[in-house]
Amino acid sequence: MRRLFAIACLVLLSTAARAETTFNGAFTQGGVVFGRTDPGSRLVLDDIPVKVDEDGVFVFGFHRDAPATSTLTITAPDGSAETRTLNVAPRDFKIQRIDGLPENMVTPPQEVLDRIRRDQAEVAAARAADRPETDFRSGFIWPAKGPISGVYGSQRILNGQPRQPHYGIDIAAPKGTPVVAPADGLVTLAATDHYYTGGTLILDHGHGLSSTFIHMDSVAVKVGEHIRQGTVIGTIGATGRATGPHLDWRMNWYDRRLDPAFVVPPMPTN
């Protein structure tokens, strides 16, 4: 009897000592969620392992077209597991239809397609970084200031063909305006002449979370550099397929496209 009582007390103590898993973020399409759980726990979101640091900190996100629910499995250090169903709120995105365009504006020639594929391969390799560091714990600031000229999730349908949605926030500002690192991170791509995106820089924030900066006039950092929040990383431009100078800021959690608006306060108006 005493042995059973002792075992029961140990179970109660183990349960009481377990940290509650907490979340801070947007459970919506394009949303970013930061959280904390018991150090040593293992998390899996929809079959994707979620890194947990030594303090129990983690991050994950939802794609633009994420379904209404997502499944999170939490396995505690003692091996006990629980499964949570996360509700993901839908969003309405702006859809623009444009008809009557010349075909070469809708479907590029083969040599251009080959170049685009090479660019995409470079970007995919840079975003494949899976660093254990949690640079995102620095928090986030706007990488540049200016009017918002484009929003996440909008999409064009050209001559009846849906094009890839816009996965970033466009910040309009004059050519040469400094761009700063919104959070700490490691430079994993510093390209100057991609076909669509021109000057393109990727900053990895750890745990699969990364920022991409597009249409830059200049890139001031190199691959392998660790950058602190607020450091100048380049300047705004209109390189690649851009109609005017602006910064297109995008975020990813692995291959899931996220909305940067969820990690920063509203853009200052002055």
C-alpha atoms as a PDB file:
ATOM      1  CA  MET A   1       0.000   0.000   0.000  1.00  0.00           C
ATOM      2  CA  ARG A   2       2.803   2.398   0.934  1.00  0.00           C
ATOM      3  CA  ARG A   3       4.550   1.579  -2.365  1.00  0.00           C
ATOM      4  CA  LEU A   4       1.380   2.364  -4.372  1.00  0.00           C
ATOM      5  CA  PHE A   5       0.926   5.601  -2.421  1.00  0.00           C
ATOM      6  CA  ALA A   6       4.543   6.601  -3.139  1.00  0.00           C
ATOM      7  CA  ILE A   7       4.108   5.899  -6.859  1.00  0.00           C
ATOM      8  CA  ALA A   8       0.885   7.939  -6.914  1.00  0.00           C
ATOM      9  CA  CYS A   9       2.675  10.847  -5.222  1.00  0.00           C
ATOM     10  CA  LEU A  10       5.490  10.704  -7.806  1.00  0.00           C
ATOM     11  CA  VAL A  11       2.970  10.806 -10.650  1.00  0.00           C
ATOM     12  CA  LEU A  12       1.234  13.800  -9.101  1.00  0.00           C
ATOM     13  CA  LEU A  13       4.546  15.594  -8.590  1.00  0.00           C
ATOM     14  CA  SER A  14       5.567  14.885 -12.196  1.00  0.00           C
ATOM     15  CA  THR A  15       2.246  16.216 -13.512  1.00  0.00           C
ATOM     16  CA  ALA A  16       2.393  19.287 -11.293  1.00  0.00           C
ATOM     17  CA  ALA A  17       5.943  20.080 -12.410  1.00  0.00           C
ATOM     18  CA  ARG A  18       5.068  19.932 -16.100  1.00  0.00           C
ATOM     19  CA  ALA A  19       4.966  23.365 -17.724  1.00  0.00           C
ATOM     20  CA  GLU A  20       1.801  24.438 -19.474  1.00  0.00           C
ATOM     21  CA  THR A  21       2.230  24.991 -23.218  1.00  0.00           C
ATOM     22  CA  THR A  22       1.415  28.618 -23.997  1.00  0.00           C
ATOM     23  CA  PHE A  23       0.984  30.450 -27.294  1.00  0.00           C
ATOM     24  CA  ASN A  24       1.315  34.048 -28.443  1.00  0.00           C
ATOM     25  CA  GLY A  25       0.377  34.819 -32.018  1.00  0.00           C
ATOM     26  CA  ALA A  26      -2.208  34.703 -34.782  1.00  0.00           C
ATOM     27  CA  PHE A  27      -4.104  31.460 -35.384  1.00  0.00           C
ATOM     28  CA  THR A  28      -5.145  32.473 -38.881  1.00  0.00           C
ATOM     29  CA  GLN A  29      -4.046  31.970 -42.478  1.00  0.00           C
ATOM     30  CA  GLY A  30      -0.565  33.471 -42.780  1.00  0.00           C
ATOM     31  CA  GLY A  31      -0.294  33.703 -39.005  1.00  0.00           C
ATOM     32  CA  VAL A  32       2.870  33.370 -36.922  1.00  0.00           C
ATOM     33  CA  VAL A  33       2.730  31.756 -33.472  1.00  0.00           C
ATOM     34  CA  PHE A  34       5.428  31.896 -30.793  1.00  0.00           C
ATOM     35  CA  GLY A  35       5.163  29.644 -27.767  1.00  0.00           C
ATOM     36  CA  ARG A  36       6.750  28.016 -24.766  1.00  0.00           C
ATOM     37  CA  THR A  37       6.488  24.498 -23.401  1.00  0.00           C
ATOM     38  CA  ASP A  38       8.311  22.205 -21.016  1.00  0.00           C
ATOM     39  CA  PRO A  39      12.017  22.077 -22.036  1.00  0.00           C
ATOM     40  CA  GLY A  40      12.777  18.690 -23.522  1.00  0.00           C
ATOM     41  CA  SER A  41       9.315  18.308 -25.027  1.00  0.00           C
ATOM     42  CA  ARG A  42       8.829  17.303 -28.651  1.00  0.00           C
ATOM     43  CA  LEU A  43       6.266  19.078 -30.849  1.00  0.00           C
ATOM     44  CA  VAL A  44       4.911  18.091 -34.252  1.00  0.00           C
ATOM     45  CA  LEU A  45       2.571  20.301 -36.274  1.00  0.00           C
ATOM     46  CA  ASP A  46       0.810  18.526 -39.154  1.00  0.00           C
ATOM     47  CA  ASP A  47       3.716  16.062 -39.526  1.00  0.00           C
ATOM     48  CA  ILE A  48       6.310  18.888 -39.370  1.00  0.00           C
ATOM     49  CA  PRO A  49       8.677  18.691 -36.358  1.00  0.00           C
ATOM     50  CA  VAL A  50       8.686  21.946 -34.379  1.00  0.00           C
ATOM     51  CA  LYS A  51      12.041  22.829 -32.842  1.00  0.00           C
ATOM     52  CA  VAL A  52      12.015  23.533 -29.078  1.00  0.00           C
ATOM     53  CA  ASP A  53      14.994  25.318 -27.517  1.00  0.00           C
ATOM     54  CA  GLU A  54      16.526  24.698 -24.082  1.00  0.00           C
ATOM     55  CA  ASP A  55      14.058  27.138 -22.515  1.00  0.00           C
ATOM     56  CA  GLY A  56      11.059  25.500 -24.174  1.00  0.00           C
ATOM     57  CA  VAL A  57      10.631  28.298 -26.750  1.00  0.00           C
ATOM     58  CA  PHE A  58       9.283  27.458 -30.208  1.00  0.00           C
ATOM     59  CA  VAL A  59       7.709  29.040 -33.296  1.00  0.00           C
ATOM     60  CA  PHE A  60       5.446  27.843 -36.103  1.00  0.00           C
ATOM     61  CA  GLY A  61       3.132  29.324 -38.719  1.00  0.00           C
ATOM     62  CA  PHE A  62       0.238  28.770 -41.093  1.00  0.00           C
ATOM     63  CA  HIS A  63       0.284  29.080 -44.890  1.00  0.00           C
ATOM     64  CA  ARG A  64      -1.965  31.500 -46.816  1.00  0.00           C
ATOM     65  CA  ASP A  65      -4.284  28.656 -47.824  1.00  0.00           C
ATOM     66  CA  ALA A  66      -4.118  26.703 -44.566  1.00  0.00           C
ATOM     67  CA  PRO A  67      -7.175  24.549 -43.830  1.00  0.00           C
ATOM     68  CA  ALA A  68      -9.598  25.320 -41.002  1.00  0.00           C
ATOM     69  CA  THR A  69      -7.787  23.100 -38.489  1.00  0.00           C
ATOM     70  CA  SER A  70      -4.238  22.062 -37.759  1.00  0.00           C
ATOM     71  CA  THR A  71      -3.005  19.267 -35.475  1.00  0.00           C
ATOM     72  CA  LEU A  72      -0.320  19.832 -32.833  1.00  0.00           C
ATOM     73  CA  THR A  73       1.128  16.841 -30.954  1.00  0.00           C
ATOM     74  CA  ILE A  74       3.024  17.595 -27.744  1.00  0.00           C
ATOM     75  CA  THR A  75       5.165  14.845 -26.221  1.00  0.00           C
ATOM     76  CA  ALA A  76       6.419  15.701 -22.732  1.00  0.00           C
ATOM     77  CA  PRO A  77       9.895  14.700 -21.488  1.00  0.00           C
ATOM     78  CA  ASP A  78       8.317  11.803 -19.557  1.00  0.00           C
ATOM     79  CA  GLY A  79       6.907  10.381 -22.809  1.00  0.00           C
ATOM     80  CA  SER A  80       3.272  11.300 -22.224  1.00  0.00           C
ATOM     81  CA  ALA A  81       1.623  12.877 -25.265  1.00  0.00           C
ATOM     82  CA  GLU A  82      -1.385  15.006 -26.056  1.00  0.00           C
ATOM     83  CA  THR A  83      -2.876  16.089 -29.350  1.00  0.00           C
ATOM     84  CA  ARG A  84      -4.476  19.485 -29.806  1.00  0.00           C
ATOM     85  CA  THR A  85      -6.658  20.600 -32.670  1.00  0.00           C
ATOM     86  CA  LEU A  86      -5.832  24.215 -33.529  1.00  0.00           C
ATOM     87  CA  ASN A  87      -8.507  26.300 -35.231  1.00  0.00           C
ATOM     88  CA  VAL A  88      -7.125  28.409 -38.088  1.00  0.00           C
ATOM     89  CA  ALA A  89      -9.288  31.402 -38.997  1.00  0.00           C
ATOM     90  CA  PRO A  90      -9.865  32.072 -42.722  1.00  0.00           C
ATOM     91  CA  ARG A  91      -9.078  35.432 -44.347  1.00  0.00           C
ATOM     92  CA  ASP A  92     -10.436  37.285 -47.361  1.00  0.00           C
ATOM     93  CA  PHE A  93      -7.711  38.169 -49.860  1.00  0.00           C
ATOM     94  CA  LYS A  94      -7.884  40.735 -52.657  1.00  0.00           C
ATOM     95  CA  ILE A  95      -8.248  39.096 -56.103  1.00  0.00           C
ATOM     96  CA  GLN A  96      -7.608  41.154 -59.271  1.00  0.00           C
ATOM     97  CA  ARG A  97      -8.546  39.937 -62.779  1.00  0.00           C
ATOM     98  CA  ILE A  98      -6.713  41.312 -65.828  1.00  0.00           C
ATOM     99  CA  ASP A  99      -7.602  40.064 -69.329  1.00  0.00           C
ATOM    100  CA  GLY A 100      -6.298  40.851 -72.839  1.00  0.00           C
ATOM    101  CA  LEU A 101      -2.579  40.767 -71.993  1.00  0.00           C
ATOM    102  CA  PRO A 102      -0.035  39.655 -74.639  1.00  0.00           C
ATOM    103  CA  GLU A 103       0.781  35.973 -74.103  1.00  0.00           C
ATOM    104  CA  ASN A 104       4.520  36.591 -73.567  1.00  0.00           C
ATOM    105  CA  MET A 105       3.640  38.692 -70.522  1.00  0.00           C
ATOM    106  CA  VAL A 106       1.723  35.774 -69.007  1.00  0.00           C
ATOM    107  CA  THR A 107       3.988  32.844 -70.006  1.00  0.00           C
ATOM    108  CA  PRO A 108       7.717  33.734 -70.265  1.00  0.00           C
ATOM    109  CA  PRO A 109       9.874  32.117 -73.007  1.00  0.00           C
ATOM    110  CA  GLN A 110      11.826  28.940 -72.184  1.00  0.00           C
ATOM    111  CA  GLU A 111      15.189  30.636 -71.597  1.00  0.00           C
ATOM    112  CA  VAL A 112      13.569  32.937 -69.047  1.00  0.00           C
ATOM    113  CA  LEU A 113      11.793  29.997 -67.407  1.00  0.00           C
ATOM    114  CA  ASP A 114      15.145  28.224 -67.049  1.00  0.00           C
ATOM    115  CA  ARG A 115      16.625  31.271 -65.343  1.00  0.00           C
ATOM    116  CA  ILE A 116      13.626  31.566 -63.035  1.00  0.00           C
ATOM    117  CA  ARG A 117      14.012  27.914 -62.011  1.00  0.00           C
ATOM    118  CA  ARG A 118      17.695  28.492 -61.162  1.00  0.00           C
ATOM    119  CA  ASP A 119      16.718  31.491 -59.031  1.00  0.00           C
ATOM    120  CA  GLN A 120      14.020  29.464 -57.285  1.00  0.00           C
ATOM    121  CA  ALA A 121      16.503  26.687 -56.535  1.00  0.00           C
ATOM    122  CA  GLU A 122      18.853  29.187 -54.858  1.00  0.00           C
ATOM    123  CA  VAL A 123      16.008  30.559 -52.748  1.00  0.00           C
ATOM    124  CA  ALA A 124      14.806  27.077 -51.767  1.00  0.00           C
ATOM    125  CA  ALA A 125      18.314  26.084 -50.684  1.00  0.00           C
ATOM    126  CA  ALA A 126      18.655  29.243 -48.583  1.00  0.00           C
ATOM    127  CA  ARG A 127      15.297  28.665 -46.905  1.00  0.00           C
ATOM    128  CA  ALA A 128      16.151  25.038 -46.152  1.00  0.00           C
ATOM    129  CA  ALA A 129      18.326  26.174 -43.239  1.00  0.00           C
ATOM    130  CA  ASP A 130      17.231  24.447 -40.030  1.00  0.00           C
ATOM    131  CA  ARG A 131      19.309  26.178 -37.389  1.00  0.00           C
ATOM    132  CA  PRO A 132      18.747  25.467 -33.671  1.00  0.00           C
ATOM    133  CA  GLU A 133      19.511  29.088 -32.756  1.00  0.00           C
ATOM    134  CA  THR A 134      16.538  31.243 -31.752  1.00  0.00           C
ATOM    135  CA  ASP A 135      17.479  34.601 -33.233  1.00  0.00           C
ATOM    136  CA  PHE A 136      13.763  35.392 -33.525  1.00  0.00           C
ATOM    137  CA  ARG A 137      13.743  35.938 -29.758  1.00  0.00           C
ATOM    138  CA  SER A 138      15.152  39.423 -30.446  1.00  0.00           C
ATOM    139  CA  GLY A 139      11.644  40.425 -31.541  1.00  0.00           C
ATOM    140  CA  PHE A 140      10.840  42.197 -34.812  1.00  0.00           C
ATOM    141  CA  ILE A 141      10.857  45.772 -36.101  1.00  0.00           C
ATOM    142  CA  TRP A 142       9.955  47.171 -39.527  1.00  0.00           C
ATOM    143  CA  PRO A 143      12.886  46.785 -41.971  1.00  0.00           C
ATOM    144  CA  ALA A 144      11.979  50.112 -43.602  1.00  0.00           C
ATOM    145  CA  LYS A 145       9.427  52.890 -43.200  1.00  0.00           C
ATOM    146  CA  GLY A 146       6.977  54.069 -45.837  1.00  0.00           C
ATOM    147  CA  PRO A 147       3.454  53.660 -47.215  1.00  0.00           C
ATOM    148  CA  ILE A 148       2.201  50.085 -47.563  1.00  0.00           C
ATOM    149  CA  SER A 149       1.677  49.624 -51.313  1.00  0.00           C
ATOM    150  CA  GLY A 150       1.021  45.883 -51.357  1.00  0.00           C
ATOM    151  CA  VAL A 151      -0.331  43.379 -48.856  1.00  0.00           C
ATOM    152  CA  TYR A 152       0.092  39.683 -48.154  1.00  0.00           C
ATOM    153  CA  GLY A 153      -2.220  37.228 -49.862  1.00  0.00           C
ATOM    154  CA  SER A 154      -3.442  39.336 -52.788  1.00  0.00           C
ATOM    155  CA  GLN A 155      -3.554  37.582 -56.169  1.00  0.00           C
ATOM    156  CA  ARG A 156      -3.887  38.388 -59.862  1.00  0.00           C
ATOM    157  CA  ILE A 157      -5.646  36.290 -62.498  1.00  0.00           C
ATOM    158  CA  LEU A 158      -4.067  37.091 -65.888  1.00  0.00           C
ATOM    159  CA  ASN A 159      -5.977  36.069 -69.009  1.00  0.00           C
ATOM    160  CA  GLY A 160      -7.912  33.653 -66.824  1.00  0.00           C
ATOM    161  CA  GLN A 161      -4.776  32.034 -65.353  1.00  0.00           C
ATOM    162  CA  PRO A 162      -4.309  32.384 -61.570  1.00  0.00           C
ATOM    163  CA  ARG A 163      -0.824  33.646 -60.779  1.00  0.00           C
ATOM    164  CA  GLN A 164       1.104  33.017 -57.592  1.00  0.00           C
ATOM    165  CA  PRO A 165      -0.301  35.073 -54.712  1.00  0.00           C
ATOM    166  CA  HIS A 166       1.702  37.963 -53.323  1.00  0.00           C
ATOM    167  CA  TYR A 167       3.347  36.602 -50.192  1.00  0.00           C
ATOM    168  CA  GLY A 168       4.829  39.767 -48.754  1.00  0.00           C
ATOM    169  CA  ILE A 169       4.295  43.333 -47.626  1.00  0.00           C
ATOM    170  CA  ASP A 170       5.365  46.069 -50.053  1.00  0.00           C
ATOM    171  CA  ILE A 171       6.852  49.168 -48.432  1.00  0.00           C
ATOM    172  CA  ALA A 172       7.135  52.106 -50.841  1.00  0.00           C
ATOM    173  CA  ALA A 173      10.166  54.363 -50.350  1.00  0.00           C
ATOM    174  CA  PRO A 174      12.734  56.162 -52.551  1.00  0.00           C
ATOM    175  CA  LYS A 175      15.569  54.258 -54.162  1.00  0.00           C
ATOM    176  CA  GLY A 176      18.531  54.128 -51.785  1.00  0.00           C
ATOM    177  CA  THR A 177      16.452  54.141 -48.582  1.00  0.00           C
ATOM    178  CA  PRO A 178      18.255  51.957 -45.998  1.00  0.00           C
ATOM    179  CA  VAL A 179      16.850  48.526 -45.171  1.00  0.00           C
ATOM    180  CA  VAL A 180      17.605  47.178 -41.692  1.00  0.00           C
ATOM    181  CA  ALA A 181      17.400  43.689 -40.238  1.00  0.00           C
ATOM    182  CA  PRO A 182      13.987  43.319 -38.568  1.00  0.00           C
ATOM    183  CA  ALA A 183      15.435  40.724 -36.164  1.00  0.00           C
ATOM    184  CA  ASP A 184      18.697  38.943 -35.482  1.00  0.00           C
ATOM    185  CA  GLY A 185      19.600  36.352 -38.091  1.00  0.00           C
ATOM    186  CA  LEU A 186      22.103  34.633 -40.353  1.00  0.00           C
ATOM    187  CA  VAL A 187      22.429  35.649 -44.023  1.00  0.00           C
ATOM    188  CA  THR A 188      21.730  32.580 -46.186  1.00  0.00           C
ATOM    189  CA  LEU A 189      21.259  34.321 -49.562  1.00  0.00           C
ATOM    190  CA  ALA A 190      22.657  37.576 -50.934  1.00  0.00           C
ATOM    191  CA  ALA A 191      21.812  37.703 -54.651  1.00  0.00           C
ATOM    192  CA  THR A 192      21.894  40.834 -56.798  1.00  0.00           C
ATOM    193  CA  ASP A 193      20.204  39.846 -60.061  1.00  0.00           C
ATOM    194  CA  HIS A 194      17.330  37.396 -59.807  1.00  0.00           C
ATOM    195  CA  TYR A 195      14.899  37.655 -62.723  1.00  0.00           C
ATOM    196  CA  TYR A 196      11.705  38.438 -60.846  1.00  0.00           C
ATOM    197  CA  THR A 197      13.077  39.703 -57.541  1.00  0.00           C
ATOM    198  CA  GLY A 198      16.320  41.474 -58.476  1.00  0.00           C
ATOM    199  CA  GLY A 199      18.436  42.124 -55.385  1.00  0.00           C
ATOM    200  CA  THR A 200      17.305  39.362 -53.025  1.00  0.00           C
ATOM    201  CA  LEU A 201      18.446  38.751 -49.463  1.00  0.00           C
ATOM    202  CA  ILE A 202      17.363  36.014 -47.035  1.00  0.00           C
ATOM    203  CA  LEU A 203      17.923  36.283 -43.293  1.00  0.00           C
ATOM    204  CA  ASP A 204      17.420  33.105 -41.282  1.00  0.00           C
ATOM    205  CA  HIS A 205      16.036  33.692 -37.767  1.00  0.00           C
ATOM    206  CA  GLY A 206      16.339  30.071 -36.602  1.00  0.00           C
ATOM    207  CA  HIS A 207      13.894  27.169 -36.154  1.00  0.00           C
ATOM    208  CA  GLY A 208      12.866  27.411 -39.823  1.00  0.00           C
ATOM    209  CA  LEU A 209      11.747  31.055 -39.594  1.00  0.00           C
ATOM    210  CA  SER A 210      13.237  33.381 -42.213  1.00  0.00           C
ATOM    211  CA  SER A 211      12.785  36.805 -43.808  1.00  0.00           C
ATOM    212  CA  THR A 212      13.241  37.535 -47.510  1.00  0.00           C
ATOM    213  CA  PHE A 213      13.863  41.038 -48.891  1.00  0.00           C
ATOM    214  CA  ILE A 214      13.162  41.653 -52.572  1.00  0.00           C
ATOM    215  CA  HIS A 215      13.867  44.290 -55.299  1.00  0.00           C
ATOM    216  CA  MET A 216      16.805  45.723 -53.335  1.00  0.00           C
ATOM    217  CA  ASP A 217      19.061  48.228 -55.107  1.00  0.00           C
ATOM    218  CA  SER A 218      22.074  47.104 -53.095  1.00  0.00           C
ATOM    219  CA  VAL A 219      22.879  44.266 -50.716  1.00  0.00           C
ATOM    220  CA  ALA A 220      25.330  45.250 -47.974  1.00  0.00           C
ATOM    221  CA  VAL A 221      25.922  41.866 -46.297  1.00  0.00           C
ATOM    222  CA  LYS A 222      27.341  38.482 -47.301  1.00  0.00           C
ATOM    223  CA  VAL A 223      26.234  34.886 -46.902  1.00  0.00           C
ATOM    224  CA  GLY A 224      27.378  33.535 -43.534  1.00  0.00           C
ATOM    225  CA  GLU A 225      27.268  36.862 -41.684  1.00  0.00           C
ATOM    226  CA  HIS A 226      25.325  36.939 -38.422  1.00  0.00           C
ATOM    227  CA  ILE A 227      23.344  40.182 -38.309  1.00  0.00           C
ATOM    228  CA  ARG A 228      21.868  41.985 -35.318  1.00  0.00           C
ATOM    229  CA  GLN A 229      18.455  43.637 -35.361  1.00  0.00           C
ATOM    230  CA  GLY A 230      18.627  47.183 -36.759  1.00  0.00           C
ATOM    231  CA  THR A 231      21.815  46.626 -38.792  1.00  0.00           C
ATOM    232  CA  VAL A 232      21.675  48.084 -42.318  1.00  0.00           C
ATOM    233  CA  ILE A 233      21.550  45.161 -44.768  1.00  0.00           C
ATOM    234  CA  GLY A 234      21.066  47.083 -48.023  1.00  0.00           C
ATOM    235  CA  THR A 235      18.922  49.682 -49.763  1.00  0.00           C
ATOM    236  CA  ILE A 236      15.506  49.836 -51.392  1.00  0.00           C
ATOM    237  CA  GLY A 237      15.375  49.651 -55.176  1.00  0.00           C
ATOM    238  CA  ALA A 238      13.282  48.623 -58.173  1.00  0.00           C
ATOM    239  CA  THR A 239      15.349  45.705 -59.433  1.00  0.00           C
ATOM    240  CA  GLY A 240      13.860  42.621 -61.055  1.00  0.00           C
ATOM    241  CA  ARG A 241      10.239  42.860 -62.173  1.00  0.00           C
ATOM    242  CA  ALA A 242       9.239  45.949 -60.198  1.00  0.00           C
ATOM    243  CA  THR A 243       7.179  48.923 -61.329  1.00  0.00           C
ATOM    244  CA  GLY A 244       8.787  51.323 -58.873  1.00  0.00           C
ATOM    245  CA  PRO A 245      11.107  51.469 -55.852  1.00  0.00           C
ATOM    246  CA  HIS A 246       9.819  49.506 -52.874  1.00  0.00           C
ATOM    247  CA  LEU A 247      10.815  46.759 -50.460  1.00  0.00           C
ATOM    248  CA  ASP A 248       8.926  43.476 -50.628  1.00  0.00           C
ATOM    249  CA  TRP A 249       9.358  41.821 -47.204  1.00  0.00           C
ATOM    250  CA  ARG A 250       8.357  38.168 -46.942  1.00  0.00           C
ATOM    251  CA  MET A 251       8.521  35.559 -44.184  1.00  0.00           C
ATOM    252  CA  ASN A 252       8.595  31.768 -44.175  1.00  0.00           C
ATOM    253  CA  TRP A 253       8.359  28.978 -41.647  1.00  0.00           C
ATOM    254  CA  TYR A 254      10.125  26.316 -43.703  1.00  0.00           C
ATOM    255  CA  ASP A 255       8.032  26.245 -46.912  1.00  0.00           C
ATOM    256  CA  ARG A 256       4.975  27.873 -45.341  1.00  0.00           C
ATOM    257  CA  ARG A 257       4.474  31.484 -46.408  1.00  0.00           C
ATOM    258  CA  LEU A 258       3.684  33.806 -43.498  1.00  0.00           C
ATOM    259  CA  ASP A 259       2.379  37.370 -43.194  1.00  0.00           C
ATOM    260  CA  PRO A 260       5.075  39.694 -41.725  1.00  0.00           C
ATOM    261  CA  ALA A 261       2.338  42.043 -40.491  1.00  0.00           C
ATOM    262  CA  PHE A 262       1.747  39.649 -37.588  1.00  0.00           C
ATOM    263  CA  VAL A 263       5.201  40.134 -36.047  1.00  0.00           C
ATOM    264  CA  VAL A 264       5.393  43.953 -36.035  1.00  0.00           C
ATOM    265  CA  PRO A 265       3.188  46.786 -34.712  1.00  0.00           C
ATOM    266  CA  PRO A 266       1.241  48.948 -37.193  1.00  0.00           C
ATOM    267  CA  MET A 267       3.462  50.970 -39.532  1.00  0.00           C
ATOM    268  CA  PRO A 268       4.170  54.431 -38.023  1.00  0.00           C
ATOM    269  CA  THR A 269       2.471  57.207 -39.973  1.00  0.00           C
ATOM    270  CA  ASN A 270       5.207  59.800 -39.464  1.00  0.00           C
END
